[in-house]
C-alpha atoms as a PDB file:
ATOM      1  CA  MET A   1      89.917  77.662 118.967  1.00  0.00           C
ATOM      2  CA  LEU A   2      92.643  80.235 119.421  1.00  0.00           C
ATOM      3  CA  SER A   3      92.690  83.469 117.557  1.00  0.00           C
ATOM      4  CA  ALA A   4      95.594  84.431 115.318  1.00  0.00           C
ATOM      5  CA  SER A   5      96.985  86.914 117.847  1.00  0.00           C
ATOM      6  CA  GLU A   6      96.855  84.331 120.672  1.00  0.00           C
ATOM      7  CA  THR A   7      98.687  81.822 118.449  1.00  0.00           C
ATOM      8  CA  GLU A   8     101.351  84.391 117.637  1.00  0.00           C
ATOM      9  CA  ASP A   9     101.728  85.205 121.360  1.00  0.00           C
ATOM     10  CA  ARG A  10     102.155  81.514 122.188  1.00  0.00           C
ATOM     11  CA  ILE A  11     104.762  81.084 119.441  1.00  0.00           C
ATOM     12  CA  ALA A  12     106.602  84.210 120.622  1.00  0.00           C
ATOM     13  CA  ARG A  13     106.585  82.908 124.239  1.00  0.00           C
ATOM     14  CA  ARG A  14     107.933  79.525 123.113  1.00  0.00           C
ATOM     15  CA  LEU A  15     110.685  81.203 121.088  1.00  0.00           C
ATOM     16  CA  ARG A  16     111.623  83.414 124.018  1.00  0.00           C
ATOM     17  CA  THR A  17     111.710  80.385 126.302  1.00  0.00           C
ATOM     18  CA  LYS A  18     113.866  78.422 123.834  1.00  0.00           C
ATOM     19  CA  TYR A  19     116.275  81.353 123.393  1.00  0.00           C
ATOM     20  CA  LEU A  20     116.450  81.848 127.161  1.00  0.00           C
ATOM     21  CA  ILE A  21     117.302  78.165 127.648  1.00  0.00           C
ATOM     22  CA  LEU A  22     119.877  78.329 124.826  1.00  0.00           C
ATOM     23  CA  THR A  23     121.427  81.507 126.259  1.00  0.00           C
ATOM     24  CA  LEU A  24     121.663  79.994 129.731  1.00  0.00           C
ATOM     25  CA  ALA A  25     123.080  76.753 128.318  1.00  0.00           C
ATOM     26  CA  LEU A  26     125.879  78.720 126.661  1.00  0.00           C
ATOM     27  CA  PHE A  27     126.392  81.445 129.245  1.00  0.00           C
ATOM     28  CA  LEU A  28     126.301  79.532 132.554  1.00  0.00           C
ATOM     29  CA  PRO A  29     129.207  77.141 131.758  1.00  0.00           C
ATOM     30  CA  LEU A  30     131.271  80.083 130.542  1.00  0.00           C
ATOM     31  CA  LEU A  31     130.459  82.048 133.685  1.00  0.00           C
ATOM     32  CA  TRP A  32     131.315  78.991 135.802  1.00  0.00           C
ATOM     33  CA  ALA A  33     134.652  78.677 133.926  1.00  0.00           C
ATOM     34  CA  PHE A  34     135.572  82.272 134.654  1.00  0.00           C
ATOM     35  CA  VAL A  35     134.696  81.960 138.328  1.00  0.00           C
ATOM     36  CA  ARG A  36     135.738  78.434 139.213  1.00  0.00           C
ATOM     37  CA  VAL A  37     137.993  76.717 136.688  1.00  0.00           C
ATOM     38  CA  ARG A  38     141.603  77.942 136.481  1.00  0.00           C
ATOM     39  CA  ASN A  39     142.769  76.193 133.317  1.00  0.00           C
ATOM     40  CA  LEU A  40     140.024  76.689 130.791  1.00  0.00           C
ATOM     41  CA  TYR A  41     140.653  78.775 127.694  1.00  0.00           C
ATOM     42  CA  PRO A  42     140.701  82.463 128.643  1.00  0.00           C
ATOM     43  CA  VAL A  43     142.005  81.863 132.158  1.00  0.00           C
ATOM     44  CA  ALA A  44     144.713  79.433 131.044  1.00  0.00           C
ATOM     45  CA  SER A  45     146.120  81.850 128.488  1.00  0.00           C
ATOM     46  CA  TRP A  46     146.146  84.571 131.136  1.00  0.00           C
ATOM     47  CA  ASN A  47     148.074  82.288 133.502  1.00  0.00           C
ATOM     48  CA  VAL A  48     150.692  81.665 130.820  1.00  0.00           C
ATOM     49  CA  MET A  49     151.260  85.375 130.378  1.00  0.00           C
ATOM     50  CA  VAL A  50     151.290  86.255 134.072  1.00  0.00           C
ATOM     51  CA  ARG A  51     153.162  83.410 135.745  1.00  0.00           C
ATOM     52  CA  SER A  52     156.437  81.914 134.659  1.00  0.00           C
ATOM     53  CA  SER A  53     156.900  78.206 134.809  1.00  0.00           C
ATOM     54  CA  PRO A  54     159.417  76.860 137.313  1.00  0.00           C
ATOM     55  CA  VAL A  55     160.274  74.201 134.730  1.00  0.00           C
ATOM     56  CA  GLN A  56     162.136  76.635 132.480  1.00  0.00           C
ATOM     57  CA  PRO A  57     165.850  75.907 132.556  1.00  0.00           C
ATOM     58  CA  PRO A  58     168.386  78.628 133.353  1.00  0.00           C
ATOM     59  CA  PHE A  59     169.473  80.505 130.266  1.00  0.00           C
ATOM     60  CA  THR A  60     172.727  82.299 129.430  1.00  0.00           C
ATOM     61  CA  TYR A  61     172.663  84.983 126.767  1.00  0.00           C
ATOM     62  CA  TYR A  62     175.255  87.327 125.312  1.00  0.00           C
ATOM     63  CA  VAL A  63     175.343  91.019 124.410  1.00  0.00           C
ATOM     64  CA  LEU A  64     177.938  92.296 121.950  1.00  0.00           C
ATOM     65  CA  ARG A  65     179.085  95.869 122.444  1.00  0.00           C
ATOM     66  CA  GLY A  66     181.881  98.043 121.218  1.00  0.00           C
ATOM     67  CA  GLU A  67     183.636 101.203 122.256  1.00  0.00           C
ATOM     68  CA  THR A  68     184.109 103.709 119.455  1.00  0.00           C
ATOM     69  CA  ASP A  69     187.160 105.879 118.908  1.00  0.00           C
ATOM     70  CA  ALA A  70     185.188 108.734 120.493  1.00  0.00           C
ATOM     71  CA  GLY A  71     184.629 106.642 123.646  1.00  0.00           C
ATOM     72  CA  ASP A  72     180.919 105.927 123.104  1.00  0.00           C
ATOM     73  CA  LEU A  73     179.529 102.507 124.001  1.00  0.00           C
ATOM     74  CA  VAL A  74     177.450 101.060 121.142  1.00  0.00           C
ATOM     75  CA  ASP A  75     175.603  97.805 120.639  1.00  0.00           C
ATOM     76  CA  VAL A  76     177.043  95.812 117.740  1.00  0.00           C
ATOM     77  CA  GLN A  77     174.739  93.726 115.573  1.00  0.00           C
ATOM     78  CA  ALA A  78     176.426  90.330 115.512  1.00  0.00           C
ATOM     79  CA  ASN A  79     174.489  89.246 112.410  1.00  0.00           C
ATOM     80  CA  SER A  80     176.287  91.907 110.408  1.00  0.00           C
ATOM     81  CA  LEU A  81     179.657  90.432 111.447  1.00  0.00           C
ATOM     82  CA  ALA A  82     179.066  86.767 110.724  1.00  0.00           C
ATOM     83  CA  ASP A  83     176.252  86.726 108.188  1.00  0.00           C
ATOM     84  CA  PRO A  84     176.576  83.074 107.074  1.00  0.00           C
ATOM     85  CA  LEU A  85     176.002  81.854 110.635  1.00  0.00           C
ATOM     86  CA  ARG A  86     172.816  83.873 111.215  1.00  0.00           C
ATOM     87  CA  SER A  87     170.697  81.846 113.651  1.00  0.00           C
ATOM     88  CA  ARG A  88     173.591  79.663 114.774  1.00  0.00           C
ATOM     89  CA  LEU A  89     175.687  82.625 115.838  1.00  0.00           C
ATOM     90  CA  TRP A  90     174.844  82.628 119.542  1.00  0.00           C
ATOM     91  CA  GLY A  91     175.227  78.848 119.737  1.00  0.00           C
ATOM     92  CA  PHE A  92     178.682  79.340 118.266  1.00  0.00           C
ATOM     93  CA  VAL A  93     179.440  81.933 120.947  1.00  0.00           C
ATOM     94  CA  ALA A  94     178.184  79.597 123.703  1.00  0.00           C
ATOM     95  CA  ALA A  95     180.358  76.774 122.342  1.00  0.00           C
ATOM     96  CA  THR A  96     183.386  79.083 122.300  1.00  0.00           C
ATOM     97  CA  ALA A  97     182.656  80.150 125.890  1.00  0.00           C
ATOM     98  CA  ALA A  98     182.504  76.488 126.948  1.00  0.00           C
ATOM     99  CA  ASN A  99     185.768  75.657 125.090  1.00  0.00           C
ATOM    100  CA  GLN A 100     183.948  73.086 122.949  1.00  0.00           C
ATOM    101  CA  SER A 101     186.448  73.414 120.087  1.00  0.00           C
ATOM    102  CA  LEU A 102     189.148  72.123 122.427  1.00  0.00           C
ATOM    103  CA  LYS A 103     187.143  69.013 123.311  1.00  0.00           C
ATOM    104  CA  LEU A 104     186.988  67.631 119.769  1.00  0.00           C
ATOM    105  CA  HIS A 105     188.481  64.231 118.980  1.00  0.00           C
ATOM    106  CA  ARG A 106     190.912  65.834 116.520  1.00  0.00           C
ATOM    107  CA  PRO A 107     191.219  69.554 117.389  1.00  0.00           C
ATOM    108  CA  HIS A 108     192.707  72.177 115.088  1.00  0.00           C
ATOM    109  CA  PRO A 109     196.555  72.163 115.203  1.00  0.00           C
ATOM    110  CA  GLN A 110     196.652  75.514 117.054  1.00  0.00           C
ATOM    111  CA  ASN A 111     194.172  74.186 119.606  1.00  0.00           C
ATOM    112  CA  ALA A 112     196.202  70.973 119.945  1.00  0.00           C
ATOM    113  CA  ALA A 113     199.312  73.078 120.598  1.00  0.00           C
ATOM    114  CA  LEU A 114     197.437  74.985 123.317  1.00  0.00           C
ATOM    115  CA  LEU A 115     196.272  71.705 124.867  1.00  0.00           C
ATOM    116  CA  SER A 116     199.821  70.330 124.861  1.00  0.00           C
ATOM    117  CA  GLN A 117     200.856  73.249 127.094  1.00  0.00           C
ATOM    118  CA  VAL A 118     197.906  73.259 129.508  1.00  0.00           C
ATOM    119  CA  PRO A 119     195.320  70.529 130.233  1.00  0.00           C
ATOM    120  CA  ILE A 120     191.773  71.428 129.247  1.00  0.00           C
ATOM    121  CA  ASP A 121     190.441  71.326 132.816  1.00  0.00           C
ATOM    122  CA  GLN A 122     192.901  74.075 133.803  1.00  0.00           C
ATOM    123  CA  LEU A 123     191.996  76.426 130.927  1.00  0.00           C
ATOM    124  CA  PRO A 124     189.772  79.403 131.751  1.00  0.00           C
ATOM    125  CA  GLU A 125     186.274  79.540 130.318  1.00  0.00           C
ATOM    126  CA  GLY A 126     186.252  81.023 126.809  1.00  0.00           C
ATOM    127  CA  VAL A 127     189.999  80.864 126.299  1.00  0.00           C
ATOM    128  CA  LEU A 128     189.566  81.493 122.545  1.00  0.00           C
ATOM    129  CA  MET A 129     186.891  84.179 122.895  1.00  0.00           C
ATOM    130  CA  ASN A 130     189.324  87.097 122.485  1.00  0.00           C
ATOM    131  CA  ASP A 131     190.413  85.690 119.106  1.00  0.00           C
ATOM    132  CA  LEU A 132     186.776  85.525 118.005  1.00  0.00           C
ATOM    133  CA  LEU A 133     186.114  89.064 119.240  1.00  0.00           C
ATOM    134  CA  ARG A 134     189.217  90.417 117.502  1.00  0.00           C
ATOM    135  CA  VAL A 135     188.081  88.935 114.168  1.00  0.00           C
ATOM    136  CA  TRP A 136     184.568  90.288 114.657  1.00  0.00           C
ATOM    137  CA  GLY A 137     185.957  93.718 115.517  1.00  0.00           C
ATOM    138  CA  GLN A 138     188.138  93.697 112.396  1.00  0.00           C
ATOM    139  CA  ASN A 139     185.105  92.707 110.282  1.00  0.00           C
ATOM    140  CA  HIS A 140     183.092  95.524 111.811  1.00  0.00           C
ATOM    141  CA  ASN A 141     185.856  98.087 111.260  1.00  0.00           C
ATOM    142  CA  ALA A 142     186.292  96.931 107.656  1.00  0.00           C
ATOM    143  CA  SER A 143     182.794  98.233 106.917  1.00  0.00           C
ATOM    144  CA  HIS A 144     183.293 101.397 109.008  1.00  0.00           C
ATOM    145  CA  PRO A 145     186.476 103.242 107.976  1.00  0.00           C
ATOM    146  CA  ALA A 146     188.687 105.079 110.460  1.00  0.00           C
ATOM    147  CA  GLY A 147     187.180 108.416 111.381  1.00  0.00           C
ATOM    148  CA  SER A 148     183.656 107.007 111.162  1.00  0.00           C
ATOM    149  CA  ALA A 149     181.420 107.430 114.200  1.00  0.00           C
ATOM    150  CA  ASN A 150     181.002 103.621 114.341  1.00  0.00           C
ATOM    151  CA  HIS A 151     184.695 102.674 114.084  1.00  0.00           C
ATOM    152  CA  LEU A 152     185.586 100.549 117.128  1.00  0.00           C
ATOM    153  CA  LYS A 153     188.716 100.550 119.231  1.00  0.00           C
ATOM    154  CA  VAL A 154     187.422  97.889 121.668  1.00  0.00           C
ATOM    155  CA  ILE A 155     184.868  95.110 121.235  1.00  0.00           C
ATOM    156  CA  ARG A 156     183.292  93.437 124.245  1.00  0.00           C
ATOM    157  CA  LEU A 157     181.026  90.446 124.802  1.00  0.00           C
ATOM    158  CA  ASP A 158     179.037  90.321 128.036  1.00  0.00           C
ATOM    159  CA  ALA A 159     177.425  87.125 129.308  1.00  0.00           C
ATOM    160  CA  TYR A 160     174.231  87.369 131.366  1.00  0.00           C
ATOM    161  CA  ARG A 161     172.261  84.652 133.105  1.00  0.00           C
ATOM    162  CA  TRP A 162     168.527  84.310 133.622  1.00  0.00           C
ATOM    163  CA  ASP A 163     167.437  81.642 136.102  1.00  0.00           C
ATOM    164  CA  GLY A 164     164.053  81.229 134.431  1.00  0.00           C
ATOM    165  CA  ALA A 165     162.022  81.105 137.642  1.00  0.00           C
ATOM    166  CA  SER A 166     160.439  84.535 137.178  1.00  0.00           C
ATOM    167  CA  TYR A 167     160.204  87.315 134.656  1.00  0.00           C
ATOM    168  CA  SER A 168     162.533  89.453 136.709  1.00  0.00           C
ATOM    169  CA  ASN A 169     166.211  89.321 137.538  1.00  0.00           C
ATOM    170  CA  TYR A 170     167.103  88.354 133.979  1.00  0.00           C
ATOM    171  CA  ARG A 171     170.222  90.534 133.823  1.00  0.00           C
ATOM    172  CA  GLN A 172     172.545  88.744 136.187  1.00  0.00           C
ATOM    173  CA  PHE A 173     176.019  89.573 134.946  1.00  0.00           C
ATOM    174  CA  VAL A 174     178.215  86.491 134.563  1.00  0.00           C
ATOM    175  CA  LYS A 175     181.358  87.373 132.673  1.00  0.00           C
ATOM    176  CA  SER A 176     182.813  89.724 130.088  1.00  0.00           C
ATOM    177  CA  TRP A 177     185.413  89.258 127.360  1.00  0.00           C
ATOM    178  CA  ARG A 178     187.164  92.263 125.845  1.00  0.00           C
ATOM    179  CA  ALA A 179     189.505  92.633 122.863  1.00  0.00           C
ATOM    180  CA  GLU A 180     191.481  95.720 121.843  1.00  0.00           C
ATOM    181  CA  LEU A 181     191.479  96.347 118.102  1.00  0.00           C
END
């Protein structure tokens, strides 16, 4: 018969063996995943953050700026100019740049008059953009009286293109529209 201390030693050895097997069962697959597998949890999330996907489509974005009476160039918050549009604002700008309002089945009478003079395929890109910028500039100046440091004399919209292939070269200048106020 075994003594109480020998029994306790045996139980302790069994527990250590079980915990060692459990630790190895959990640790070895995780170690193998870090070393060998490239798309398992921690590695996959790292790949997403480090590499860009070549599947991302090219993206055009716009930056709204203004020139103050003092000659300073300032960024203009477009949401403050067209509050009801909020999240649809930049889609509206992209549609204006692509002359989408001129491609409607029944365009506005002013747009129809423009189309009667020149066919749509001969119109420059964003033919109505200066009108939009002028209205936005007037809205901005309405909330900033003359003499204010933020009163604009010129408002400008710059279009930039990002090809989406990498996280660099995302400021490729495309075009600029400018309206005097």
